[in-house]
Amino acid sequence: MPVHLIKQKTLINYMSKIKAIRRGLPDAPLEDITTKEIAAMLNGYIDEGKAASAKLIRSTLSDAFREAIAEGHITTKPVAATRAAKSEVRRSRLTADEYLKIYQTAESSPCWLRLAMELAVVTGQRVGDLCEMKWSDIVDGYLYVEQSKTGVKIAIPTTLHVDALGISMKETLDKCKEILGGETIIASTRREPLSSGTVSRYFMRARKASGLSFEGDPPTFHELRSLSARLYEKQISDKFAQHLLGHKSDTMASQYRDDRGREWDKIEIK
C-alpha cells in the first residue's frame, strides 16, 4: 500500500513493529526468511508473556509479505504457517453500578471528566474519537464520526439515550456546550481540546478514589465502550449495539467495501 494512503498513527505503529522485526530476524533478503525463524521470534515474545505483541508483530509481517507478493518480489508467505498467538484479555469489565460509583467519585474531578464518561457511554465511541469530536460534526440531529482506528464513518442520532444510567445524549451535549464551551465537544476548563491520555488518566484516578476492587486488571476508560454495547444490547438489540460501535456485519462490510468508505452510515433507532 502506498505510504500516503496510510494514516500517520498507523504508520507510527507499523514503524515500531518493523523495528522489533529487524531485531528478531536475520539480516537477510526477504525471500530467504524462513517459517522457522519467524516462529522462533514469535515464540520468544510468547515465552515472555507478551502474546499480544507477538500477535501484532505476526500481523505486521503478514501485511509485509502480502505486499511483497503483490509487487512480485516473492511468491510465498512463510509467516502464514506460524501459529497465531492467543492473547488473553485480563481487563475487568465495568458494570453499570461500578460506573455510577466512579461517576459519583468524579464529582471532585475536572467537570469535563463526568461529561466525557456520559458521552462515551451514550455514543459507544473510543476515547480518541471522543476527544476529536467537534460541534461542527453535528448536522441535522446527527453526530458524524469517522473512527480513527478503522476509518468507519457513522452518523449517530443525538436523540440517543441510555435508560439504565439515565443518560440522554442531547442533555449531555447541552451540558458540554454550556459548561465547557470549546471548539471540541469535550474540552478543558480553558476550552482547549483534551488528549485521550489525559482523559484516561483522570478516569483512572477517579476509579482508584472510588474504592472499588476488581479481579484482574482494573477497567480503563476504554471499558465504557464495552459497557455501552452491553447496555444497548439489552435496551435495543445486539445488532444496534454492534452497528453503533462500528462493527460491521458481512452485509454491511460488503457495502462499505463497495462505496470505498465515502458514504456515511446513518444509525437509526429501531
C-alpha atoms as a PDB file:
ATOM      1  CA  MET A   1       0.000   0.000   0.000  1.00  0.00           C
ATOM      2  CA  PRO A   2       1.390   3.469  -0.864  1.00  0.00           C
ATOM      3  CA  VAL A   3       2.637   5.309   2.237  1.00  0.00           C
ATOM      4  CA  HIS A   4       0.476   8.362   1.516  1.00  0.00           C
ATOM      5  CA  LEU A   5      -2.660   6.215   1.952  1.00  0.00           C
ATOM      6  CA  ILE A   6      -1.659   5.111   5.462  1.00  0.00           C
ATOM      7  CA  LYS A   7      -2.741   7.278   8.392  1.00  0.00           C
ATOM      8  CA  GLN A   8       0.057   8.850  10.439  1.00  0.00           C
ATOM      9  CA  LYS A   9      -0.868   6.969  13.618  1.00  0.00           C
ATOM     10  CA  THR A  10      -0.967   3.655  11.731  1.00  0.00           C
ATOM     11  CA  LEU A  11       2.394   4.418  10.121  1.00  0.00           C
ATOM     12  CA  ILE A  12       3.985   5.093  13.521  1.00  0.00           C
ATOM     13  CA  ASN A  13       2.609   1.781  14.825  1.00  0.00           C
ATOM     14  CA  TYR A  14       3.986  -0.028  11.775  1.00  0.00           C
ATOM     15  CA  MET A  15       7.431   1.516  12.289  1.00  0.00           C
ATOM     16  CA  SER A  16       7.626   0.332  15.903  1.00  0.00           C
ATOM     17  CA  LYS A  17       6.703  -3.215  14.862  1.00  0.00           C
ATOM     18  CA  ILE A  18       9.218  -3.177  11.997  1.00  0.00           C
ATOM     19  CA  LYS A  19      11.979  -2.222  14.438  1.00  0.00           C
ATOM     20  CA  ALA A  20      11.082  -5.246  16.557  1.00  0.00           C
ATOM     21  CA  ILE A  21      11.065  -7.469  13.465  1.00  0.00           C
ATOM     22  CA  ARG A  22      14.506  -6.255  12.430  1.00  0.00           C
ATOM     23  CA  ARG A  23      15.835  -7.085  15.883  1.00  0.00           C
ATOM     24  CA  GLY A  24      14.291 -10.552  15.872  1.00  0.00           C
ATOM     25  CA  LEU A  25      15.028 -11.786  12.354  1.00  0.00           C
ATOM     26  CA  PRO A  26      18.319 -12.343  10.495  1.00  0.00           C
ATOM     27  CA  ASP A  27      19.620  -9.535   8.284  1.00  0.00           C
ATOM     28  CA  ALA A  28      18.807 -11.361   5.053  1.00  0.00           C
ATOM     29  CA  PRO A  29      16.823 -10.868   1.824  1.00  0.00           C
ATOM     30  CA  LEU A  30      13.076 -11.267   2.240  1.00  0.00           C
ATOM     31  CA  GLU A  31      12.954 -14.454   0.163  1.00  0.00           C
ATOM     32  CA  ASP A  32      15.482 -16.112   2.498  1.00  0.00           C
ATOM     33  CA  ILE A  33      13.439 -15.609   5.685  1.00  0.00           C
ATOM     34  CA  THR A  34      12.021 -18.945   6.872  1.00  0.00           C
ATOM     35  CA  THR A  35       8.967 -20.006   8.833  1.00  0.00           C
ATOM     36  CA  LYS A  36      11.270 -21.459  11.492  1.00  0.00           C
ATOM     37  CA  GLU A  37      12.992 -18.108  12.044  1.00  0.00           C
ATOM     38  CA  ILE A  38       9.680 -16.267  12.278  1.00  0.00           C
ATOM     39  CA  ALA A  39       8.251 -18.863  14.679  1.00  0.00           C
ATOM     40  CA  ALA A  40      11.334 -18.599  16.907  1.00  0.00           C
ATOM     41  CA  MET A  41      10.944 -14.830  17.132  1.00  0.00           C
ATOM     42  CA  LEU A  42       7.223 -15.008  17.900  1.00  0.00           C
ATOM     43  CA  ASN A  43       7.699 -17.775  20.480  1.00  0.00           C
ATOM     44  CA  GLY A  44      10.258 -15.589  22.222  1.00  0.00           C
ATOM     45  CA  TYR A  45       7.581 -12.968  22.829  1.00  0.00           C
ATOM     46  CA  ILE A  46       5.042 -15.583  23.931  1.00  0.00           C
ATOM     47  CA  ASP A  47       7.516 -17.109  26.407  1.00  0.00           C
ATOM     48  CA  GLU A  48       7.955 -13.641  27.945  1.00  0.00           C
ATOM     49  CA  GLY A  49       4.201 -13.333  28.429  1.00  0.00           C
ATOM     50  CA  LYS A  50       3.866 -10.892  25.525  1.00  0.00           C
ATOM     51  CA  ALA A  51       1.320 -12.777  23.434  1.00  0.00           C
ATOM     52  CA  ALA A  52      -0.380  -9.544  22.377  1.00  0.00           C
ATOM     53  CA  SER A  53       2.907  -8.202  20.984  1.00  0.00           C
ATOM     54  CA  ALA A  54       3.520 -11.490  19.162  1.00  0.00           C
ATOM     55  CA  LYS A  55       0.074 -11.225  17.600  1.00  0.00           C
ATOM     56  CA  LEU A  56       0.694  -7.662  16.391  1.00  0.00           C
ATOM     57  CA  ILE A  57       4.140  -8.486  15.005  1.00  0.00           C
ATOM     58  CA  ARG A  58       2.767 -11.533  13.174  1.00  0.00           C
ATOM     59  CA  SER A  59       0.050  -9.353  11.646  1.00  0.00           C
ATOM     60  CA  THR A  60       2.622  -6.771  10.522  1.00  0.00           C
ATOM     61  CA  LEU A  61       4.775  -9.493   8.968  1.00  0.00           C
ATOM     62  CA  SER A  62       1.733 -10.896   7.191  1.00  0.00           C
ATOM     63  CA  ASP A  63       0.994  -7.457   5.710  1.00  0.00           C
ATOM     64  CA  ALA A  64       4.623  -7.031   4.627  1.00  0.00           C
ATOM     65  CA  PHE A  65       4.812 -10.417   2.903  1.00  0.00           C
ATOM     66  CA  ARG A  66       1.444  -9.863   1.224  1.00  0.00           C
ATOM     67  CA  GLU A  67       2.649  -6.566  -0.257  1.00  0.00           C
ATOM     68  CA  ALA A  68       5.935  -8.197  -1.328  1.00  0.00           C
ATOM     69  CA  ILE A  69       3.992 -10.916  -3.158  1.00  0.00           C
ATOM     70  CA  ALA A  70       1.799  -8.275  -4.823  1.00  0.00           C
ATOM     71  CA  GLU A  71       4.941  -6.488  -6.042  1.00  0.00           C
ATOM     72  CA  GLY A  72       6.416  -9.721  -7.385  1.00  0.00           C
ATOM     73  CA  HIS A  73       9.398  -9.878  -5.006  1.00  0.00           C
ATOM     74  CA  ILE A  74       8.441 -13.257  -3.508  1.00  0.00           C
ATOM     75  CA  THR A  75       5.899 -15.997  -4.196  1.00  0.00           C
ATOM     76  CA  THR A  76       5.199 -17.454  -0.737  1.00  0.00           C
ATOM     77  CA  LYS A  77       4.324 -16.096   2.706  1.00  0.00           C
ATOM     78  CA  PRO A  78       6.324 -18.020   5.363  1.00  0.00           C
ATOM     79  CA  VAL A  79       4.505 -16.295   8.222  1.00  0.00           C
ATOM     80  CA  ALA A  80       1.226 -17.976   7.177  1.00  0.00           C
ATOM     81  CA  ALA A  81       2.344 -21.346   8.564  1.00  0.00           C
ATOM     82  CA  THR A  82       3.120 -19.967  12.041  1.00  0.00           C
ATOM     83  CA  ARG A  83       0.615 -20.300  14.880  1.00  0.00           C
ATOM     84  CA  ALA A  84      -1.373 -17.207  15.745  1.00  0.00           C
ATOM     85  CA  ALA A  85      -0.687 -16.204  19.349  1.00  0.00           C
ATOM     86  CA  LYS A  86      -3.709 -16.169  21.625  1.00  0.00           C
ATOM     87  CA  SER A  87      -3.661 -13.185  23.952  1.00  0.00           C
ATOM     88  CA  GLU A  88      -5.924 -13.398  26.971  1.00  0.00           C
ATOM     89  CA  VAL A  89      -7.865 -10.254  27.762  1.00  0.00           C
ATOM     90  CA  ARG A  90      -7.461  -9.816  31.501  1.00  0.00           C
ATOM     91  CA  ARG A  91      -9.036  -6.390  31.883  1.00  0.00           C
ATOM     92  CA  SER A  92     -12.116  -6.418  34.097  1.00  0.00           C
ATOM     93  CA  ARG A  93     -15.464  -5.433  32.650  1.00  0.00           C
ATOM     94  CA  LEU A  94     -17.235  -2.435  34.143  1.00  0.00           C
ATOM     95  CA  THR A  95     -20.796  -2.823  35.418  1.00  0.00           C
ATOM     96  CA  ALA A  96     -23.454  -0.115  35.458  1.00  0.00           C
ATOM     97  CA  ASP A  97     -23.261   0.117  39.259  1.00  0.00           C
ATOM     98  CA  GLU A  98     -19.472   0.478  39.140  1.00  0.00           C
ATOM     99  CA  TYR A  99     -19.835   3.188  36.507  1.00  0.00           C
ATOM    100  CA  LEU A 100     -22.190   5.097  38.801  1.00  0.00           C
ATOM    101  CA  LYS A 101     -19.777   4.752  41.719  1.00  0.00           C
ATOM    102  CA  ILE A 102     -16.860   6.112  39.676  1.00  0.00           C
ATOM    103  CA  TYR A 103     -19.109   8.831  38.224  1.00  0.00           C
ATOM    104  CA  GLN A 104     -20.077   9.899  41.740  1.00  0.00           C
ATOM    105  CA  THR A 105     -16.431   9.947  42.827  1.00  0.00           C
ATOM    106  CA  ALA A 106     -15.514  12.012  39.750  1.00  0.00           C
ATOM    107  CA  GLU A 107     -17.559  14.923  41.112  1.00  0.00           C
ATOM    108  CA  SER A 108     -14.320  16.263  42.616  1.00  0.00           C
ATOM    109  CA  SER A 109     -12.502  15.872  39.268  1.00  0.00           C
ATOM    110  CA  PRO A 110     -12.475  18.481  36.480  1.00  0.00           C
ATOM    111  CA  CYS A 111     -16.026  18.952  35.203  1.00  0.00           C
ATOM    112  CA  TRP A 112     -15.163  17.571  31.765  1.00  0.00           C
ATOM    113  CA  LEU A 113     -14.458  14.066  33.107  1.00  0.00           C
ATOM    114  CA  ARG A 114     -18.052  13.210  34.003  1.00  0.00           C
ATOM    115  CA  LEU A 115     -19.236  14.682  30.707  1.00  0.00           C
ATOM    116  CA  ALA A 116     -16.669  12.573  28.834  1.00  0.00           C
ATOM    117  CA  MET A 117     -17.896   9.492  30.711  1.00  0.00           C
ATOM    118  CA  GLU A 118     -21.506  10.251  29.753  1.00  0.00           C
ATOM    119  CA  LEU A 119     -20.608  10.857  26.115  1.00  0.00           C
ATOM    120  CA  ALA A 120     -18.526   7.662  25.969  1.00  0.00           C
ATOM    121  CA  VAL A 121     -21.417   5.511  27.170  1.00  0.00           C
ATOM    122  CA  VAL A 122     -24.149   7.164  25.121  1.00  0.00           C
ATOM    123  CA  THR A 123     -22.141   7.149  21.853  1.00  0.00           C
ATOM    124  CA  GLY A 124     -20.100   3.952  22.323  1.00  0.00           C
ATOM    125  CA  GLN A 125     -17.046   5.570  20.736  1.00  0.00           C
ATOM    126  CA  ARG A 126     -13.339   5.230  21.572  1.00  0.00           C
ATOM    127  CA  VAL A 127     -11.691   7.841  23.783  1.00  0.00           C
ATOM    128  CA  GLY A 128      -9.520   9.100  20.917  1.00  0.00           C
ATOM    129  CA  ASP A 129     -12.597   9.751  18.786  1.00  0.00           C
ATOM    130  CA  LEU A 130     -14.408  11.413  21.701  1.00  0.00           C
ATOM    131  CA  CYS A 131     -11.556  13.899  22.067  1.00  0.00           C
ATOM    132  CA  GLU A 132     -11.735  14.727  18.346  1.00  0.00           C
ATOM    133  CA  MET A 133     -15.490  15.402  18.247  1.00  0.00           C
ATOM    134  CA  LYS A 134     -16.342  18.998  17.306  1.00  0.00           C
ATOM    135  CA  TRP A 135     -19.577  20.929  17.380  1.00  0.00           C
ATOM    136  CA  SER A 136     -19.287  21.309  13.622  1.00  0.00           C
ATOM    137  CA  ASP A 137     -19.606  17.496  13.394  1.00  0.00           C
ATOM    138  CA  ILE A 138     -23.266  17.766  14.441  1.00  0.00           C
ATOM    139  CA  VAL A 139     -25.548  18.313  11.440  1.00  0.00           C
ATOM    140  CA  ASP A 140     -29.340  17.943  11.287  1.00  0.00           C
ATOM    141  CA  GLY A 141     -29.573  15.954  14.506  1.00  0.00           C
ATOM    142  CA  TYR A 142     -26.680  13.579  13.801  1.00  0.00           C
ATOM    143  CA  LEU A 143     -23.141  13.477  15.184  1.00  0.00           C
ATOM    144  CA  TYR A 144     -20.800  12.462  12.357  1.00  0.00           C
ATOM    145  CA  VAL A 145     -17.833  10.370  13.499  1.00  0.00           C
ATOM    146  CA  GLU A 146     -15.025   8.927  11.394  1.00  0.00           C
ATOM    147  CA  GLN A 147     -13.373   6.353  13.632  1.00  0.00           C
ATOM    148  CA  SER A 148      -9.624   6.950  13.642  1.00  0.00           C
ATOM    149  CA  LYS A 149      -8.761   3.293  14.244  1.00  0.00           C
ATOM    150  CA  THR A 150     -10.850   1.745  11.475  1.00  0.00           C
ATOM    151  CA  GLY A 151     -11.893   4.584   9.180  1.00  0.00           C
ATOM    152  CA  VAL A 152     -15.547   3.585   9.642  1.00  0.00           C
ATOM    153  CA  LYS A 153     -17.889   6.549   9.144  1.00  0.00           C
ATOM    154  CA  ILE A 154     -21.060   6.634  11.208  1.00  0.00           C
ATOM    155  CA  ALA A 155     -23.729   9.235  11.903  1.00  0.00           C
ATOM    156  CA  ILE A 156     -25.120   8.937  15.436  1.00  0.00           C
ATOM    157  CA  PRO A 157     -28.583  10.376  16.211  1.00  0.00           C
ATOM    158  CA  THR A 158     -28.414  12.927  19.023  1.00  0.00           C
ATOM    159  CA  THR A 159     -31.718  11.575  20.355  1.00  0.00           C
ATOM    160  CA  LEU A 160     -29.930   8.510  21.767  1.00  0.00           C
ATOM    161  CA  HIS A 161     -30.311   7.732  25.456  1.00  0.00           C
ATOM    162  CA  VAL A 162     -29.127   5.024  27.847  1.00  0.00           C
ATOM    163  CA  ASP A 163     -32.086   4.186  30.066  1.00  0.00           C
ATOM    164  CA  ALA A 164     -30.154   2.103  32.615  1.00  0.00           C
ATOM    165  CA  LEU A 165     -27.955   5.080  33.535  1.00  0.00           C
ATOM    166  CA  GLY A 166     -30.378   7.896  32.774  1.00  0.00           C
ATOM    167  CA  ILE A 167     -28.075   9.411  30.153  1.00  0.00           C
ATOM    168  CA  SER A 168     -29.564  11.473  27.332  1.00  0.00           C
ATOM    169  CA  MET A 169     -27.182  12.376  24.524  1.00  0.00           C
ATOM    170  CA  LYS A 170     -28.962  15.668  23.888  1.00  0.00           C
ATOM    171  CA  GLU A 171     -28.766  16.649  27.564  1.00  0.00           C
ATOM    172  CA  THR A 172     -25.082  15.679  27.733  1.00  0.00           C
ATOM    173  CA  LEU A 173     -24.337  17.770  24.641  1.00  0.00           C
ATOM    174  CA  ASP A 174     -26.241  20.716  26.117  1.00  0.00           C
ATOM    175  CA  LYS A 175     -24.143  20.491  29.293  1.00  0.00           C
ATOM    176  CA  CYS A 176     -20.924  20.292  27.274  1.00  0.00           C
ATOM    177  CA  LYS A 177     -21.929  23.413  25.346  1.00  0.00           C
ATOM    178  CA  GLU A 178     -22.901  25.361  28.466  1.00  0.00           C
ATOM    179  CA  ILE A 179     -20.134  24.253  30.845  1.00  0.00           C
ATOM    180  CA  LEU A 180     -17.151  23.630  28.560  1.00  0.00           C
ATOM    181  CA  GLY A 181     -17.862  25.818  25.544  1.00  0.00           C
ATOM    182  CA  GLY A 182     -14.856  24.796  23.478  1.00  0.00           C
ATOM    183  CA  GLU A 183     -14.473  24.088  19.765  1.00  0.00           C
ATOM    184  CA  THR A 184     -14.381  20.401  20.623  1.00  0.00           C
ATOM    185  CA  ILE A 185     -17.363  18.897  22.418  1.00  0.00           C
ATOM    186  CA  ILE A 186     -15.153  17.654  25.258  1.00  0.00           C
ATOM    187  CA  ALA A 187     -12.797  20.454  26.266  1.00  0.00           C
ATOM    188  CA  SER A 188     -10.617  21.502  29.180  1.00  0.00           C
ATOM    189  CA  THR A 189     -11.545  24.211  31.669  1.00  0.00           C
ATOM    190  CA  ARG A 190      -9.578  26.533  29.370  1.00  0.00           C
ATOM    191  CA  ARG A 191     -11.802  25.455  26.462  1.00  0.00           C
ATOM    192  CA  GLU A 192      -8.934  23.625  24.785  1.00  0.00           C
ATOM    193  CA  PRO A 193      -9.001  20.108  23.262  1.00  0.00           C
ATOM    194  CA  LEU A 194      -8.065  17.230  25.567  1.00  0.00           C
ATOM    195  CA  SER A 195      -5.826  14.290  24.706  1.00  0.00           C
ATOM    196  CA  SER A 196      -7.023  10.718  25.108  1.00  0.00           C
ATOM    197  CA  GLY A 197      -4.179  10.165  27.573  1.00  0.00           C
ATOM    198  CA  THR A 198      -5.390  12.969  29.830  1.00  0.00           C
ATOM    199  CA  VAL A 199      -8.984  11.708  29.834  1.00  0.00           C
ATOM    200  CA  SER A 200      -7.866   8.133  30.537  1.00  0.00           C
ATOM    201  CA  ARG A 201      -5.538   9.247  33.325  1.00  0.00           C
ATOM    202  CA  TYR A 202      -8.213  11.242  35.172  1.00  0.00           C
ATOM    203  CA  PHE A 203     -10.649   8.351  34.826  1.00  0.00           C
ATOM    204  CA  MET A 204      -8.048   6.055  36.392  1.00  0.00           C
ATOM    205  CA  ARG A 205      -7.676   8.463  39.324  1.00  0.00           C
ATOM    206  CA  ALA A 206     -11.435   8.564  39.877  1.00  0.00           C
ATOM    207  CA  ARG A 207     -11.628   4.772  39.656  1.00  0.00           C
ATOM    208  CA  LYS A 208      -8.906   4.397  42.291  1.00  0.00           C
ATOM    209  CA  ALA A 209     -10.534   7.006  44.534  1.00  0.00           C
ATOM    210  CA  SER A 210     -13.873   5.163  44.318  1.00  0.00           C
ATOM    211  CA  GLY A 211     -12.517   2.318  46.450  1.00  0.00           C
ATOM    212  CA  LEU A 212     -13.781  -0.313  44.010  1.00  0.00           C
ATOM    213  CA  SER A 213     -11.768  -3.512  43.642  1.00  0.00           C
ATOM    214  CA  PHE A 214     -11.564  -5.728  40.561  1.00  0.00           C
ATOM    215  CA  GLU A 215     -10.371  -9.187  39.612  1.00  0.00           C
ATOM    216  CA  GLY A 216      -7.613  -8.995  37.017  1.00  0.00           C
ATOM    217  CA  ASP A 217      -6.545  -5.669  35.535  1.00  0.00           C
ATOM    218  CA  PRO A 218      -8.861  -2.812  36.595  1.00  0.00           C
ATOM    219  CA  PRO A 219     -11.045  -1.328  33.839  1.00  0.00           C
ATOM    220  CA  THR A 220      -9.765   1.644  31.878  1.00  0.00           C
ATOM    221  CA  PHE A 221     -11.781   4.395  30.203  1.00  0.00           C
ATOM    222  CA  HIS A 222     -11.970   2.127  27.148  1.00  0.00           C
ATOM    223  CA  GLU A 223     -14.288  -0.204  29.093  1.00  0.00           C
ATOM    224  CA  LEU A 224     -17.017   2.430  28.850  1.00  0.00           C
ATOM    225  CA  ARG A 225     -17.291   1.399  25.197  1.00  0.00           C
ATOM    226  CA  SER A 226     -17.955  -2.209  26.205  1.00  0.00           C
ATOM    227  CA  LEU A 227     -20.440  -1.076  28.849  1.00  0.00           C
ATOM    228  CA  SER A 228     -22.243   0.977  26.208  1.00  0.00           C
ATOM    229  CA  ALA A 229     -22.511  -2.051  23.919  1.00  0.00           C
ATOM    230  CA  ARG A 230     -23.889  -4.278  26.670  1.00  0.00           C
ATOM    231  CA  LEU A 231     -26.464  -1.720  27.793  1.00  0.00           C
ATOM    232  CA  TYR A 232     -27.682  -1.017  24.255  1.00  0.00           C
ATOM    233  CA  GLU A 233     -27.842  -4.755  23.571  1.00  0.00           C
ATOM    234  CA  LYS A 234     -30.341  -5.098  26.427  1.00  0.00           C
ATOM    235  CA  GLN A 235     -32.183  -1.857  25.663  1.00  0.00           C
ATOM    236  CA  ILE A 236     -32.426  -2.112  21.863  1.00  0.00           C
ATOM    237  CA  SER A 237     -30.618  -5.049  20.229  1.00  0.00           C
ATOM    238  CA  ASP A 238     -27.220  -6.626  19.713  1.00  0.00           C
ATOM    239  CA  LYS A 239     -27.337  -5.579  16.056  1.00  0.00           C
ATOM    240  CA  PHE A 240     -27.841  -1.940  17.041  1.00  0.00           C
ATOM    241  CA  ALA A 241     -25.018  -2.074  19.597  1.00  0.00           C
ATOM    242  CA  GLN A 242     -22.546  -3.536  17.099  1.00  0.00           C
ATOM    243  CA  HIS A 243     -23.651  -1.021  14.475  1.00  0.00           C
ATOM    244  CA  LEU A 244     -23.035   1.867  16.882  1.00  0.00           C
ATOM    245  CA  LEU A 245     -19.561   0.612  17.754  1.00  0.00           C
ATOM    246  CA  GLY A 246     -18.683   0.416  14.070  1.00  0.00           C
ATOM    247  CA  HIS A 247     -18.580  -3.386  13.920  1.00  0.00           C
ATOM    248  CA  LYS A 248     -19.979  -4.326  10.553  1.00  0.00           C
ATOM    249  CA  SER A 249     -21.956  -7.432   9.635  1.00  0.00           C
ATOM    250  CA  ASP A 250     -20.981  -9.305   6.465  1.00  0.00           C
ATOM    251  CA  THR A 251     -23.652  -7.428   4.516  1.00  0.00           C
ATOM    252  CA  MET A 252     -22.639  -4.048   5.907  1.00  0.00           C
ATOM    253  CA  ALA A 253     -18.946  -4.782   5.389  1.00  0.00           C
ATOM    254  CA  SER A 254     -19.625  -5.668   1.760  1.00  0.00           C
ATOM    255  CA  GLN A 255     -21.495  -2.405   1.252  1.00  0.00           C
ATOM    256  CA  TYR A 256     -18.696  -0.485   2.955  1.00  0.00           C
ATOM    257  CA  ARG A 257     -16.119  -2.016   0.613  1.00  0.00           C
ATOM    258  CA  ASP A 258     -18.288  -1.130  -2.385  1.00  0.00           C
ATOM    259  CA  ASP A 259     -18.540   2.574  -1.556  1.00  0.00           C
ATOM    260  CA  ARG A 260     -14.867   2.759  -0.510  1.00  0.00           C
ATOM    261  CA  GLY A 261     -15.942   4.356   2.772  1.00  0.00           C
ATOM    262  CA  ARG A 262     -17.140   7.538   1.058  1.00  0.00           C
ATOM    263  CA  GLU A 263     -20.677   7.325   2.410  1.00  0.00           C
ATOM    264  CA  TRP A 264     -21.735   7.963   5.997  1.00  0.00           C
ATOM    265  CA  ASP A 265     -23.576   5.103   7.684  1.00  0.00           C
ATOM    266  CA  LYS A 266     -26.580   6.625   9.449  1.00  0.00           C
ATOM    267  CA  ILE A 267     -27.624   4.780  12.581  1.00  0.00           C
ATOM    268  CA  GLU A 268     -31.359   4.542  13.175  1.00  0.00           C
ATOM    269  CA  ILE A 269     -33.015   3.715  16.488  1.00  0.00           C
ATOM    270  CA  LYS A 270     -35.335   0.756  15.930  1.00  0.00           C
END
